[in-house]
Amino acid sequence: MTRVVVQPAGQAGATIHYADTILTPVPVARLAAFLSPDDLDGLGHLHSSDGIPTWGVTPGKSDVNRRK
């Protein structure tokens, strides 16, 4: 089954970031600082060891995006 997550992207640089982090998967080592060991393990079972397509958000003004 294919899963799709829709994430808003409001800045002009979003196309560049898409190419940098979705079209070119992010190395797992780069993500390790942001994820729990359990999350890393789960993602490792879903994706190759080469990397994981990843999109993130900035915290935003007054941390408005933190929970997103």
PDB file of N, CA and C in Angstrom:
ATOM      1  N   MET A   1       0.837  -1.163   0.000  1.00  0.00           N
ATOM      2  CA  MET A   1       0.000   0.000   0.000  1.00  0.00           C
ATOM      3  C   MET A   1       0.893   1.240   0.000  1.00  0.00           C
ATOM      4  N   THR A   2       0.542   2.237  -0.795  1.00  0.00           N
ATOM      5  CA  THR A   2       1.259   3.497  -0.850  1.00  0.00           C
ATOM      6  C   THR A   2       0.627   4.462   0.133  1.00  0.00           C
ATOM      7  N   ARG A   3       1.458   5.175   0.856  1.00  0.00           N
ATOM      8  CA  ARG A   3       0.968   6.182   1.793  1.00  0.00           C
ATOM      9  C   ARG A   3       1.487   7.541   1.358  1.00  0.00           C
ATOM     10  N   VAL A   4       0.638   8.528   1.426  1.00  0.00           N
ATOM     11  CA  VAL A   4       1.004   9.878   1.039  1.00  0.00           C
ATOM     12  C   VAL A   4       0.706  10.800   2.204  1.00  0.00           C
ATOM     13  N   VAL A   5       1.666  11.653   2.509  1.00  0.00           N
ATOM     14  CA  VAL A   5       1.479  12.667   3.538  1.00  0.00           C
ATOM     15  C   VAL A   5       1.560  14.017   2.859  1.00  0.00           C
ATOM     16  N   VAL A   6       0.555  14.846   3.052  1.00  0.00           N
ATOM     17  CA  VAL A   6       0.538  16.176   2.461  1.00  0.00           C
ATOM     18  C   VAL A   6       1.062  17.151   3.513  1.00  0.00           C
ATOM     19  N   GLN A   7       2.094  17.919   3.125  1.00  0.00           N
ATOM     20  CA  GLN A   7       2.710  18.865   4.046  1.00  0.00           C
ATOM     21  C   GLN A   7       2.750  20.234   3.376  1.00  0.00           C
ATOM     22  N   PRO A   8       2.211  21.265   4.016  1.00  0.00           N
ATOM     23  CA  PRO A   8       2.253  22.595   3.411  1.00  0.00           C
ATOM     24  C   PRO A   8       3.692  23.098   3.299  1.00  0.00           C
ATOM     25  N   ALA A   9       3.933  23.877   2.251  1.00  0.00           N
ATOM     26  CA  ALA A   9       5.248  24.478   2.033  1.00  0.00           C
ATOM     27  C   ALA A   9       5.020  25.905   1.562  1.00  0.00           C
ATOM     28  N   GLY A  10       5.293  26.859   2.431  1.00  0.00           N
ATOM     29  CA  GLY A  10       4.945  28.235   2.124  1.00  0.00           C
ATOM     30  C   GLY A  10       6.065  29.125   1.649  1.00  0.00           C
ATOM     31  N   GLN A  11       7.274  28.664   1.620  1.00  0.00           N
ATOM     32  CA  GLN A  11       8.375  29.517   1.220  1.00  0.00           C
ATOM     33  C   GLN A  11       8.790  29.224  -0.216  1.00  0.00           C
ATOM     34  N   ALA A  12       9.398  30.212  -0.867  1.00  0.00           N
ATOM     35  CA  ALA A  12       9.825  30.062  -2.254  1.00  0.00           C
ATOM     36  C   ALA A  12      10.868  28.951  -2.411  1.00  0.00           C
ATOM     37  N   GLY A  13      11.640  28.665  -1.373  1.00  0.00           N
ATOM     38  CA  GLY A  13      12.675  27.647  -1.450  1.00  0.00           C
ATOM     39  C   GLY A  13      12.159  26.227  -1.326  1.00  0.00           C
ATOM     40  N   ALA A  14      10.857  26.055  -1.220  1.00  0.00           N
ATOM     41  CA  ALA A  14      10.295  24.720  -1.010  1.00  0.00           C
ATOM     42  C   ALA A  14      10.639  23.760  -2.143  1.00  0.00           C
ATOM     43  N   THR A  15      10.675  24.238  -3.376  1.00  0.00           N
ATOM     44  CA  THR A  15      11.009  23.373  -4.504  1.00  0.00           C
ATOM     45  C   THR A  15      12.433  22.852  -4.381  1.00  0.00           C
ATOM     46  N   ILE A  16      13.337  23.703  -3.952  1.00  0.00           N
ATOM     47  CA  ILE A  16      14.736  23.297  -3.755  1.00  0.00           C
ATOM     48  C   ILE A  16      14.818  22.271  -2.632  1.00  0.00           C
ATOM     49  N   HIS A  17      14.133  22.528  -1.535  1.00  0.00           N
ATOM     50  CA  HIS A  17      14.154  21.596  -0.409  1.00  0.00           C
ATOM     51  C   HIS A  17      13.527  20.254  -0.793  1.00  0.00           C
ATOM     52  N   TYR A  18      12.501  20.282  -1.629  1.00  0.00           N
ATOM     53  CA  TYR A  18      11.891  19.048  -2.115  1.00  0.00           C
ATOM     54  C   TYR A  18      12.935  18.210  -2.853  1.00  0.00           C
ATOM     55  N   ALA A  19      13.681  18.838  -3.728  1.00  0.00           N
ATOM     56  CA  ALA A  19      14.715  18.119  -4.475  1.00  0.00           C
ATOM     57  C   ALA A  19      15.815  17.604  -3.545  1.00  0.00           C
ATOM     58  N   ASP A  20      16.151  18.395  -2.524  1.00  0.00           N
ATOM     59  CA  ASP A  20      17.232  18.027  -1.595  1.00  0.00           C
ATOM     60  C   ASP A  20      16.858  16.910  -0.627  1.00  0.00           C
ATOM     61  N   THR A  21      15.581  16.788  -0.292  1.00  0.00           N
ATOM     62  CA  THR A  21      15.219  15.865   0.789  1.00  0.00           C
ATOM     63  C   THR A  21      14.172  14.812   0.449  1.00  0.00           C
ATOM     64  N   ILE A  22      13.485  14.979  -0.668  1.00  0.00           N
ATOM     65  CA  ILE A  22      12.502  13.984  -1.095  1.00  0.00           C
ATOM     66  C   ILE A  22      13.041  13.218  -2.301  1.00  0.00           C
ATOM     67  N   LEU A  23      13.400  13.944  -3.345  1.00  0.00           N
ATOM     68  CA  LEU A  23      13.956  13.285  -4.523  1.00  0.00           C
ATOM     69  C   LEU A  23      15.303  12.640  -4.230  1.00  0.00           C
ATOM     70  N   THR A  24      16.054  13.260  -3.317  1.00  0.00           N
ATOM     71  CA  THR A  24      17.338  12.721  -2.862  1.00  0.00           C
ATOM     72  C   THR A  24      17.157  12.361  -1.384  1.00  0.00           C
ATOM     73  N   PRO A  25      16.922  11.100  -1.063  1.00  0.00           N
ATOM     74  CA  PRO A  25      16.648  10.720   0.335  1.00  0.00           C
ATOM     75  C   PRO A  25      17.752  11.165   1.303  1.00  0.00           C
ATOM     76  N   VAL A  26      17.334  11.505   2.501  1.00  0.00           N
ATOM     77  CA  VAL A  26      18.238  11.986   3.544  1.00  0.00           C
ATOM     78  C   VAL A  26      18.914  10.791   4.212  1.00  0.00           C
ATOM     79  N   PRO A  27      20.251  10.829   4.372  1.00  0.00           N
ATOM     80  CA  PRO A  27      20.937   9.724   5.055  1.00  0.00           C
ATOM     81  C   PRO A  27      20.388   9.520   6.471  1.00  0.00           C
ATOM     82  N   VAL A  28      20.249   8.287   6.853  1.00  0.00           N
ATOM     83  CA  VAL A  28      19.706   7.955   8.175  1.00  0.00           C
ATOM     84  C   VAL A  28      20.541   8.608   9.277  1.00  0.00           C
ATOM     85  N   ALA A  29      21.844   8.673   9.118  1.00  0.00           N
ATOM     86  CA  ALA A  29      22.701   9.280  10.138  1.00  0.00           C
ATOM     87  C   ALA A  29      22.338  10.746  10.380  1.00  0.00           C
ATOM     88  N   ARG A  30      21.901  11.440   9.342  1.00  0.00           N
ATOM     89  CA  ARG A  30      21.515  12.851   9.486  1.00  0.00           C
ATOM     90  C   ARG A  30      20.207  12.989  10.268  1.00  0.00           C
ATOM     91  N   LEU A  31      19.359  11.986  10.211  1.00  0.00           N
ATOM     92  CA  LEU A  31      18.068  12.027  10.901  1.00  0.00           C
ATOM     93  C   LEU A  31      18.150  11.558  12.350  1.00  0.00           C
ATOM     94  N   ALA A  32      19.171  10.822  12.682  1.00  0.00           N
ATOM     95  CA  ALA A  32      19.273  10.169  13.992  1.00  0.00           C
ATOM     96  C   ALA A  32      19.142  11.134  15.165  1.00  0.00           C
ATOM     97  N   ALA A  33      19.654  12.350  15.020  1.00  0.00           N
ATOM     98  CA  ALA A  33      19.589  13.314  16.123  1.00  0.00           C
ATOM     99  C   ALA A  33      18.165  13.790  16.407  1.00  0.00           C
ATOM    100  N   PHE A  34      17.251  13.584  15.470  1.00  0.00           N
ATOM    101  CA  PHE A  34      15.895  14.105  15.604  1.00  0.00           C
ATOM    102  C   PHE A  34      14.852  13.040  15.916  1.00  0.00           C
ATOM    103  N   LEU A  35      15.249  11.769  15.909  1.00  0.00           N
ATOM    104  CA  LEU A  35      14.292  10.679  16.087  1.00  0.00           C
ATOM    105  C   LEU A  35      14.689   9.764  17.227  1.00  0.00           C
ATOM    106  N   SER A  36      13.712   9.136  17.829  1.00  0.00           N
ATOM    107  CA  SER A  36      13.995   8.168  18.891  1.00  0.00           C
ATOM    108  C   SER A  36      14.566   6.900  18.261  1.00  0.00           C
ATOM    109  N   PRO A  37      15.265   6.096  19.038  1.00  0.00           N
ATOM    110  CA  PRO A  37      15.772   4.825  18.509  1.00  0.00           C
ATOM    111  C   PRO A  37      14.656   3.939  17.946  1.00  0.00           C
ATOM    112  N   ASP A  38      13.502   3.933  18.584  1.00  0.00           N
ATOM    113  CA  ASP A  38      12.378   3.127  18.085  1.00  0.00           C
ATOM    114  C   ASP A  38      11.888   3.627  16.722  1.00  0.00           C
ATOM    115  N   ASP A  39      11.802   4.952  16.579  1.00  0.00           N
ATOM    116  CA  ASP A  39      11.384   5.517  15.295  1.00  0.00           C
ATOM    117  C   ASP A  39      12.407   5.196  14.207  1.00  0.00           C
ATOM    118  N   LEU A  40      13.684   5.326  14.524  1.00  0.00           N
ATOM    119  CA  LEU A  40      14.729   4.999  13.556  1.00  0.00           C
ATOM    120  C   LEU A  40      14.653   3.540  13.140  1.00  0.00           C
ATOM    121  N   ASP A  41      14.426   2.677  14.093  1.00  0.00           N
ATOM    122  CA  ASP A  41      14.325   1.258  13.793  1.00  0.00           C
ATOM    123  C   ASP A  41      13.133   0.982  12.877  1.00  0.00           C
ATOM    124  N   GLY A  42      12.003   1.585  13.198  1.00  0.00           N
ATOM    125  CA  GLY A  42      10.807   1.394  12.377  1.00  0.00           C
ATOM    126  C   GLY A  42      11.003   1.907  10.963  1.00  0.00           C
ATOM    127  N   LEU A  43      11.621   3.063  10.824  1.00  0.00           N
ATOM    128  CA  LEU A  43      11.872   3.609   9.493  1.00  0.00           C
ATOM    129  C   LEU A  43      12.871   2.761   8.722  1.00  0.00           C
ATOM    130  N   GLY A  44      13.818   2.189   9.442  1.00  0.00           N
ATOM    131  CA  GLY A  44      14.804   1.330   8.801  1.00  0.00           C
ATOM    132  C   GLY A  44      14.181   0.114   8.148  1.00  0.00           C
ATOM    133  N   HIS A  45      13.067  -0.338   8.701  1.00  0.00           N
ATOM    134  CA  HIS A  45      12.369  -1.495   8.129  1.00  0.00           C
ATOM    135  C   HIS A  45      11.543  -1.108   6.897  1.00  0.00           C
ATOM    136  N   LEU A  46      11.238   0.180   6.770  1.00  0.00           N
ATOM    137  CA  LEU A  46      10.416   0.645   5.661  1.00  0.00           C
ATOM    138  C   LEU A  46      11.220   1.172   4.472  1.00  0.00           C
ATOM    139  N   HIS A  47      12.445   1.613   4.733  1.00  0.00           N
ATOM    140  CA  HIS A  47      13.255   2.262   3.700  1.00  0.00           C
ATOM    141  C   HIS A  47      14.618   1.603   3.600  1.00  0.00           C
ATOM    142  N   SER A  48      15.273   1.844   2.484  1.00  0.00           N
ATOM    143  CA  SER A  48      16.617   1.283   2.295  1.00  0.00           C
ATOM    144  C   SER A  48      17.610   1.987   3.207  1.00  0.00           C
ATOM    145  N   SER A  49      18.768   1.408   3.348  1.00  0.00           N
ATOM    146  CA  SER A  49      19.806   1.999   4.193  1.00  0.00           C
ATOM    147  C   SER A  49      20.431   3.228   3.537  1.00  0.00           C
ATOM    148  N   ASP A  50      20.117   3.477   2.259  1.00  0.00           N
ATOM    149  CA  ASP A  50      20.680   4.634   1.558  1.00  0.00           C
ATOM    150  C   ASP A  50      20.109   5.951   2.070  1.00  0.00           C
ATOM    151  N   GLY A  51      18.894   5.943   2.540  1.00  0.00           N
ATOM    152  CA  GLY A  51      18.289   7.164   3.036  1.00  0.00           C
ATOM    153  C   GLY A  51      16.786   7.082   3.056  1.00  0.00           C
ATOM    154  N   ILE A  52      16.182   8.141   3.609  1.00  0.00           N
ATOM    155  CA  ILE A  52      14.741   8.197   3.781  1.00  0.00           C
ATOM    156  C   ILE A  52      14.240   9.524   3.229  1.00  0.00           C
ATOM    157  N   PRO A  53      13.288   9.507   2.306  1.00  0.00           N
ATOM    158  CA  PRO A  53      12.704  10.769   1.855  1.00  0.00           C
ATOM    159  C   PRO A  53      12.087  11.484   3.061  1.00  0.00           C
ATOM    160  N   THR A  54      12.471  12.729   3.284  1.00  0.00           N
ATOM    161  CA  THR A  54      12.095  13.422   4.519  1.00  0.00           C
ATOM    162  C   THR A  54      11.713  14.866   4.248  1.00  0.00           C
ATOM    163  N   TRP A  55      10.621  15.295   4.842  1.00  0.00           N
ATOM    164  CA  TRP A  55      10.226  16.703   4.772  1.00  0.00           C
ATOM    165  C   TRP A  55       9.983  17.166   6.192  1.00  0.00           C
ATOM    166  N   GLY A  56      10.522  18.294   6.538  1.00  0.00           N
ATOM    167  CA  GLY A  56      10.340  18.823   7.885  1.00  0.00           C
ATOM    168  C   GLY A  56       9.823  20.248   7.831  1.00  0.00           C
ATOM    169  N   VAL A  57       9.489  20.776   8.959  1.00  0.00           N
ATOM    170  CA  VAL A  57       9.053  22.166   9.053  1.00  0.00           C
ATOM    171  C   VAL A  57       9.916  22.877  10.077  1.00  0.00           C
ATOM    172  N   THR A  58      10.004  24.186   9.934  1.00  0.00           N
ATOM    173  CA  THR A  58      10.693  24.987  10.936  1.00  0.00           C
ATOM    174  C   THR A  58       9.733  25.200  12.103  1.00  0.00           C
ATOM    175  N   PRO A  59      10.254  25.536  13.294  1.00  0.00           N
ATOM    176  CA  PRO A  59       9.358  25.734  14.432  1.00  0.00           C
ATOM    177  C   PRO A  59       8.303  26.822  14.184  1.00  0.00           C
ATOM    178  N   GLY A  60       8.643  27.821  13.374  1.00  0.00           N
ATOM    179  CA  GLY A  60       7.698  28.902  13.096  1.00  0.00           C
ATOM    180  C   GLY A  60       7.670  29.938  14.206  1.00  0.00           C
ATOM    181  N   LYS A  61       6.983  31.014  13.920  1.00  0.00           N
ATOM    182  CA  LYS A  61       6.875  32.105  14.884  1.00  0.00           C
ATOM    183  C   LYS A  61       6.146  31.619  16.133  1.00  0.00           C
ATOM    184  N   SER A  62       6.740  31.833  17.279  1.00  0.00           N
ATOM    185  CA  SER A  62       6.186  31.391  18.564  1.00  0.00           C
ATOM    186  C   SER A  62       5.939  29.887  18.595  1.00  0.00           C
ATOM    187  N   ASP A  63       6.773  29.108  17.867  1.00  0.00           N
ATOM    188  CA  ASP A  63       6.689  27.646  17.834  1.00  0.00           C
ATOM    189  C   ASP A  63       5.345  27.117  17.328  1.00  0.00           C
ATOM    190  N   VAL A  64       4.689  27.862  16.444  1.00  0.00           N
ATOM    191  CA  VAL A  64       3.373  27.484  15.953  1.00  0.00           C
ATOM    192  C   VAL A  64       3.375  26.134  15.241  1.00  0.00           C
ATOM    193  N   ASN A  65       4.504  25.739  14.661  1.00  0.00           N
ATOM    194  CA  ASN A  65       4.572  24.465  13.925  1.00  0.00           C
ATOM    195  C   ASN A  65       5.133  23.300  14.737  1.00  0.00           C
ATOM    196  N   ARG A  66       5.550  23.554  15.940  1.00  0.00           N
ATOM    197  CA  ARG A  66       6.261  22.525  16.708  1.00  0.00           C
ATOM    198  C   ARG A  66       5.488  21.219  16.788  1.00  0.00           C
ATOM    199  N   ARG A  67       4.206  21.240  17.038  1.00  0.00           N
ATOM    200  CA  ARG A  67       3.423  20.004  17.160  1.00  0.00           C
ATOM    201  C   ARG A  67       3.069  19.388  15.816  1.00  0.00           C
ATOM    202  N   LYS A  68       3.272  20.116  14.740  1.00  0.00           N
ATOM    203  CA  LYS A  68       2.951  19.592  13.418  1.00  0.00           C
ATOM    204  C   LYS A  68       4.044  18.663  12.957  1.00  0.00           C
TER     205      LYS A  68
END
